Structure formats: structure tokens, C-alpha cells
Protein backbone atom coordinates (compact mmCIF):
# COMPACT_ATOMS: atom_id res chain seq x y z
CA MET A 1 19.14 -8.05 63.82
CA SER A 2 20.98 -9.08 60.60
CA PRO A 3 22.62 -5.97 59.18
CA ILE A 4 21.14 -4.86 55.78
CA ASP A 5 22.16 -1.77 53.66
CA MET A 6 19.17 0.42 54.29
CA SER A 7 20.14 2.56 51.23
CA ALA A 8 19.52 -0.54 48.96
CA THR A 9 16.15 -0.80 47.37
CA LEU A 10 14.06 -3.14 49.44
CA GLN A 11 11.48 -5.60 47.91
CA SER A 12 8.61 -7.34 49.69
CA SER A 13 7.61 -10.85 49.32
CA ARG A 14 5.33 -13.58 50.92
CA ALA A 15 6.22 -17.20 50.74
CA ILE A 16 5.42 -20.67 52.18
CA ILE A 17 8.25 -21.97 54.18
CA LEU A 18 9.46 -25.40 53.00
CA VAL A 19 13.13 -25.52 54.07
CA LYS A 20 14.91 -24.87 57.27
CA ALA A 21 18.48 -26.21 56.68
CA LEU A 22 20.99 -27.07 59.37
CA PRO A 23 22.48 -24.04 61.04
CA GLN A 24 25.78 -22.75 59.70
CA LEU A 25 28.68 -20.65 60.90
CA SER A 26 28.66 -17.13 59.22
CA SER A 27 31.78 -15.05 59.70
CA ARG A 28 29.59 -11.98 59.79
CA HIS A 29 26.37 -13.10 61.41
CA GLY A 30 27.35 -15.97 63.76
CA GLU A 31 24.85 -18.85 63.65
CA THR A 32 22.52 -18.56 60.68
CA VAL A 33 19.86 -20.83 58.94
CA CYS A 34 19.34 -21.01 55.16
CA CYS A 35 15.55 -21.19 54.54
CA ALA A 36 13.62 -21.47 51.38
CA GLY A 37 10.12 -21.38 50.14
CA VAL A 38 7.65 -20.61 47.47
CA THR A 39 5.45 -17.62 46.72
CA ALA A 40 1.79 -17.90 45.75
CA TYR A 41 2.88 -17.25 42.14
CA GLY A 42 5.24 -20.28 42.19
CA GLU A 43 8.47 -18.53 42.57
CA PHE A 44 11.15 -20.08 44.75
CA LYS A 45 12.80 -17.86 47.40
CA ARG A 46 15.94 -18.37 49.31
CA LEU A 47 15.99 -16.50 52.61
CA PHE A 48 19.31 -15.58 54.29
CA PRO A 49 20.94 -14.80 56.62
CA VAL A 50 18.22 -15.87 59.06
CA ARG A 51 19.42 -16.16 62.82
CA PHE A 52 16.53 -18.51 63.41
CA ARG A 53 17.11 -19.18 67.04
CA HIS A 54 16.95 -15.35 67.82
CA LEU A 55 13.45 -15.00 66.15
CA LYS A 56 10.57 -14.61 68.65
CA GLY A 57 6.71 -14.50 68.73
CA GLU A 58 5.34 -13.88 65.31
CA SER A 59 8.69 -14.12 63.44
CA ALA A 60 9.51 -17.59 64.68
CA PHE A 61 8.09 -19.36 61.66
CA LYS A 62 7.91 -23.24 61.04
CA ARG A 63 7.52 -25.34 57.83
CA TRP A 64 4.14 -24.64 56.13
CA ASP A 65 3.85 -21.21 57.54
CA TRP A 66 3.34 -18.27 55.20
CA VAL A 67 5.82 -15.54 55.96
CA LYS A 68 6.04 -12.02 54.82
CA PHE A 69 9.46 -10.33 54.65
CA SER A 70 11.46 -7.58 53.04
CA TYR A 71 14.76 -8.11 51.24
CA ARG A 72 17.33 -6.72 48.91
CA VAL A 73 19.11 -8.36 46.06
CA PRO A 74 22.24 -9.88 47.56
CA THR A 75 25.57 -8.68 46.27
CA SER A 76 27.62 -11.95 46.90
CA ASP A 77 25.05 -14.44 45.62
CA ARG A 78 23.89 -14.31 42.02
CA ARG A 79 21.48 -17.17 42.37
CA ALA A 80 18.09 -15.88 40.99
CA GLU A 81 16.06 -17.12 43.89
CA SER A 82 18.31 -15.58 46.71
CA CYS A 83 17.15 -12.88 49.00
CA HIS A 84 19.12 -11.03 51.57
CA VAL A 85 16.49 -10.74 54.21
CA ALA A 86 15.87 -7.87 56.74
CA GLU A 87 15.45 -10.11 59.71
CA GLU A 88 13.33 -7.58 61.73
CA SER A 89 10.76 -7.67 58.81
CA ILE A 90 9.90 -11.36 59.16
CA LEU A 91 6.24 -12.03 60.06
CA ILE A 92 4.10 -15.05 60.07
CA ASP A 93 1.04 -14.57 57.90
CA GLY A 94 -1.15 -17.84 58.08
CA ASP A 95 -0.22 -21.42 56.98
CA LEU A 96 -0.82 -23.89 54.24
CA PRO A 97 -3.34 -26.64 55.23
CA ARG A 98 -2.28 -30.08 54.72
CA GLY A 99 -5.15 -30.70 52.22
CA GLU A 100 -3.90 -28.01 49.91
CA ARG A 101 -0.36 -28.82 49.78
CA SER A 102 -0.38 -31.39 46.75
CA LYS A 103 -2.41 -28.92 44.62
CA PHE A 104 -0.17 -26.14 45.35
CA LEU A 105 3.25 -27.84 45.04
CA ASP A 106 2.86 -30.58 42.48
CA PRO A 107 2.83 -28.06 39.49
CA LEU A 108 6.38 -27.01 40.59
CA ILE A 109 7.91 -30.38 40.46
CA SER A 110 11.03 -30.94 38.40
CA GLY A 111 12.12 -34.21 36.95
CA SER A 112 15.70 -33.82 38.33
CA ALA A 113 18.28 -31.37 39.49
CA LYS A 114 19.72 -31.54 35.98
CA GLN A 115 16.33 -30.34 34.55
CA ALA A 116 15.98 -27.57 37.12
CA ALA A 117 19.53 -26.32 36.46
CA ALA A 118 18.92 -26.32 32.74
CA LYS A 119 16.14 -23.76 33.47
CA GLY A 120 18.37 -21.64 35.53
CA LYS A 121 17.08 -22.58 38.83
CA SER A 122 19.11 -23.20 41.92
CA LEU A 123 16.18 -24.50 43.93
CA ALA A 124 13.65 -27.28 43.08
CA LEU A 125 11.17 -29.90 44.18
CA LEU A 126 11.27 -33.55 43.19
CA ARG A 127 8.95 -36.52 43.72
CA PRO A 128 11.80 -39.08 44.27
CA ARG A 129 11.34 -42.74 43.25
CA SER A 130 12.66 -45.91 44.91
CA THR A 131 13.84 -44.10 48.00
CA GLU A 132 15.91 -45.72 50.62
CA PHE A 133 16.61 -43.71 53.90
CA TYR A 134 19.70 -44.88 55.89
CA TYR A 135 22.11 -43.42 58.31
CA ARG A 136 25.77 -43.53 59.25
CA ARG A 137 27.49 -42.90 62.46
CA LYS A 138 29.85 -39.62 62.26
CA SER A 139 33.39 -40.01 63.30
CA GLU A 140 34.49 -38.54 66.60
CA LYS A 141 36.68 -36.14 64.52
CA THR A 142 33.57 -34.95 62.58
CA LEU A 143 31.55 -34.49 65.75
CA GLU A 144 34.20 -32.44 67.54
CA SER A 145 34.68 -30.27 64.37
CA GLU A 146 30.98 -29.60 64.27
CA ARG A 147 30.82 -28.89 68.01
CA ASN A 148 33.58 -26.40 67.80
CA ALA A 149 31.88 -24.64 64.80
CA TYR A 150 28.53 -24.34 66.67
CA LYS A 151 30.30 -22.92 69.71
CA LYS A 152 32.19 -20.43 67.58
CA ALA A 153 28.85 -19.40 65.98
CA VAL A 154 27.20 -18.70 69.28
CA SER A 155 30.14 -16.82 70.66
CA GLN A 156 29.97 -14.37 67.70
CA GLY A 157 26.53 -13.13 68.62
CA SER A 158 25.86 -9.54 69.46
CA PHE A 159 25.84 -8.33 72.94
CA LEU A 160 22.40 -7.06 72.31
CA ASP A 161 20.98 -10.61 71.65
CA ASP A 162 19.88 -13.15 74.20
CA PRO A 163 22.74 -15.67 74.71
CA LEU A 164 22.28 -19.05 73.13
CA GLU A 165 23.61 -22.46 74.05
CA ALA A 166 25.67 -24.04 71.34
CA ILE A 167 23.74 -26.73 69.32
CA GLU A 168 24.74 -30.34 69.86
CA PRO A 169 25.43 -31.92 66.39
CA THR A 170 23.50 -35.08 65.55
CA PRO A 171 25.75 -38.13 65.82
CA TYR A 172 24.58 -39.51 62.56
CA HIS A 173 24.66 -38.53 58.86
CA PHE A 174 20.95 -39.09 57.51
CA LYS A 175 21.09 -40.08 53.83
CA PHE A 176 18.69 -41.04 50.88
CA ARG A 177 19.35 -43.17 47.85
CA PHE A 178 16.73 -42.40 45.20
CA ILE A 179 15.97 -42.25 41.45
CA ASP A 180 14.75 -39.28 39.40
CA ASP A 181 14.59 -38.66 35.68
CA ASP A 182 18.46 -38.29 35.56
CA GLY A 183 19.29 -41.61 37.26
CA ARG A 184 20.28 -42.78 40.76
CA HIS A 185 21.51 -40.47 43.44
CA ASP A 186 22.80 -40.61 46.99
CA TYR A 187 22.17 -37.35 48.92
CA THR A 188 23.02 -36.44 52.60
CA ASN A 189 20.03 -34.83 54.18
CA ALA A 190 20.62 -31.23 55.58
CA ASP A 191 17.08 -30.83 56.78
CA TRP A 192 17.22 -29.37 60.40
CA GLU A 193 13.69 -30.63 61.23
CA LEU A 194 14.75 -34.18 60.66
CA HIS A 195 17.79 -33.74 62.90
CA ALA A 196 15.73 -32.18 65.51
CA TRP A 197 13.19 -34.93 65.31
CA PHE A 198 15.96 -37.38 66.11
CA PHE A 199 16.80 -35.65 69.38
CA ARG A 200 13.08 -35.42 70.28
CA LEU A 201 12.69 -39.18 69.69
CA GLN A 202 15.95 -39.94 71.58
CA ARG A 203 14.68 -38.19 74.66
CA GLU A 204 11.20 -39.85 74.43
CA LEU A 205 12.32 -43.44 73.63
CA GLY A 206 15.51 -43.34 75.66
CA ASN A 207 18.13 -44.40 73.24
CA ASP A 208 19.59 -43.78 69.80
CA GLN A 209 18.64 -47.11 68.17
CA ALA A 210 14.92 -46.79 69.13
CA ALA A 211 14.78 -43.29 67.57
CA LEU A 212 16.70 -44.31 64.45
CA ASP A 213 14.27 -47.24 63.99
CA MET A 214 11.35 -44.88 64.22
CA ILE A 215 12.67 -42.51 61.80
CA SER A 216 13.67 -45.23 59.31
CA GLN A 217 10.03 -46.61 59.58
CA LYS A 218 8.71 -43.31 58.64
CA MET A 219 11.05 -42.56 55.86
CA ASN A 220 10.98 -45.98 54.20
CA GLY A 221 7.31 -46.64 54.86
CA ASP A 222 4.90 -43.89 55.63
CA TYR A 223 6.46 -41.12 53.71
CA PRO A 224 7.05 -42.93 50.35
CA ARG A 225 3.76 -44.70 50.51
CA ASN A 226 1.59 -41.59 51.18
CA GLY A 227 3.54 -38.97 49.41
CA MET A 228 7.05 -37.45 49.68
CA MET A 229 8.85 -34.49 48.11
CA PHE A 230 12.45 -33.43 48.27
CA ALA A 231 13.40 -29.83 48.29
CA ILE A 232 16.93 -29.50 46.86
CA GLY A 233 19.23 -26.67 46.15
CA ASN A 234 22.67 -26.10 44.83
CA ILE A 235 25.78 -24.38 46.37
CA ALA A 236 26.56 -20.77 45.47
CA LYS A 237 30.18 -21.49 44.92
CA ARG A 238 29.66 -24.93 43.31
CA PRO A 239 26.67 -24.60 41.39
CA GLN A 240 26.93 -28.08 39.85
CA VAL A 241 26.62 -29.57 43.28
CA TRP A 242 23.10 -30.12 44.62
CA GLN A 243 21.90 -30.79 48.20
CA LEU A 244 18.88 -32.40 49.91
CA LEU A 245 17.59 -29.53 51.94
CA GLY A 246 14.20 -30.68 53.02
CA VAL A 247 12.05 -33.88 53.26
CA LEU A 248 8.44 -33.00 52.87
CA ARG A 249 5.46 -35.20 53.54
CA VAL A 250 2.96 -34.22 50.81
CA ASP A 251 0.12 -36.52 49.84
CA HIS A 252 0.06 -37.99 46.35
CA GLN A 253 -2.55 -36.05 44.59
CA SER A 254 -5.61 -38.10 44.00
CA GLN A 255 -6.79 -38.78 40.45
CA SER A 256 -10.22 -37.09 41.10
CA SER A 257 -8.52 -33.88 42.32
CA LEU A 258 -6.75 -33.52 39.06
CA PHE A 259 -10.07 -32.63 37.28
């Protein structure tokens, strides 16, 4: 369980999960995942530290699940959306059907990260334009550094937890060029689900290139054609720097549904 000061005032929330970012090494909690979602009232919530691979049963949520959780206001992160979650309180509470996603999320769209920041937000949704997905092979030095970080993360787990195998880092950077209301951008994608998808395709199709071609086809064809959103967020210590945290397949809202 992630330690939380039980003398602190706990609050309760319920949010639809939109983001599971790549696992990171925490000096206190080992391997953690930054997750983010939106409440039924349109409020963004950042959930951390979540040791996602330790969650089981009705706690092991996925994207588009409604999740109930208890949290306190963090002491080291002043971003308004951030919640220090009591890991043992996490509970799946339904999901958001595909046909309802556009109607629910479209009112929350920002024109750009700059516009979101001007409103005091550290999480936002975009409908990117003129998107181009591409990938670059990581250097061996980068891969070795990531392997060592993941090994260190699992070695710091509590003796009360089930042991985990270290994650194998994806050998590629996944990136997007796109346009929003503030101009052109080039973001590296930190969406864990996309990286996990690469490994699934690699196993099914037998090689890297086939997997990369399939992902490129989806990200440069099906997703922008049928509807795509970016979930973005800034960095606590460098709030001017925004990252691509999640790539969401959300249908373009039909004209008839607007009325």
C-alpha cells in the first residue's frame, strides 16, 4: 500500500480514467504510475502515487473505467488537480460507454496548452489538427539507463508485496507532430497503453517493423479520421513544460448530437 498520513483530512472522488503514463521510479514508493481522469463535474484529477502493477481485482482499473478513491491534498505538489491517493481505497465503479465519450469530453477541450495554463490548469484535453505520428529508435545508452531504472524500481518494493519482474523499456520513442491554436508542436508520447500495445503487436506479428507499421497505420489513419484527443499535462517542477500523456480514440461528435 502507498503510505498516506492518516491524520490528514481525506476527501473522496470519482473519476473516469483517461491516462496511465509510463511507470516511473519513485524514491519512496518504487515503481509508480501517474494516472489522470475527469470527474462527472468536469474536474480534472491527477492520481499518484499509484503502484499500478500491485493493484488486483476491483482495483486494477483501465482506461474508460470510473474509479472511486480517497485522497489528501499533496504537500509537495501544488498543482490544483493533484491528489495523493490512498491506494487501498481505489475501486472500479462502472465504465464510460464508447458512444457517450464525445458528449462527455468535448466540453472540456482546450485550444492549446497555453490556453489551459492561462486558466490555471495543469491537465487538459486537445483535439489536435494535422497530426503526424512517427517513431525513433532509442540509443543503447538510453535503453540501458531505462532498464536500470526499472530494475531499481522493483527492487525497492515492500517485502509484503508480490515480487514484480522489471519492465522492459520500449526500444522506440513514439512521437507526434501536430497543430493546436498556439501553433505547431512536437511531443513525445508517454502513454503507457501505446507502449504496451507495441509489445502485444510485436508478439503477435513476430517483429518490430510489422508492429510499428500497424501502429503508424492506426495513428496516422483511423485515429485522426474517426476522432482523436490528446490528454496533456505539465511537469510539477517545470510547469511551462507540457507532455503528451494519453492518446484517446474519441469519435468526432456528429452534428445531429449537438442539438
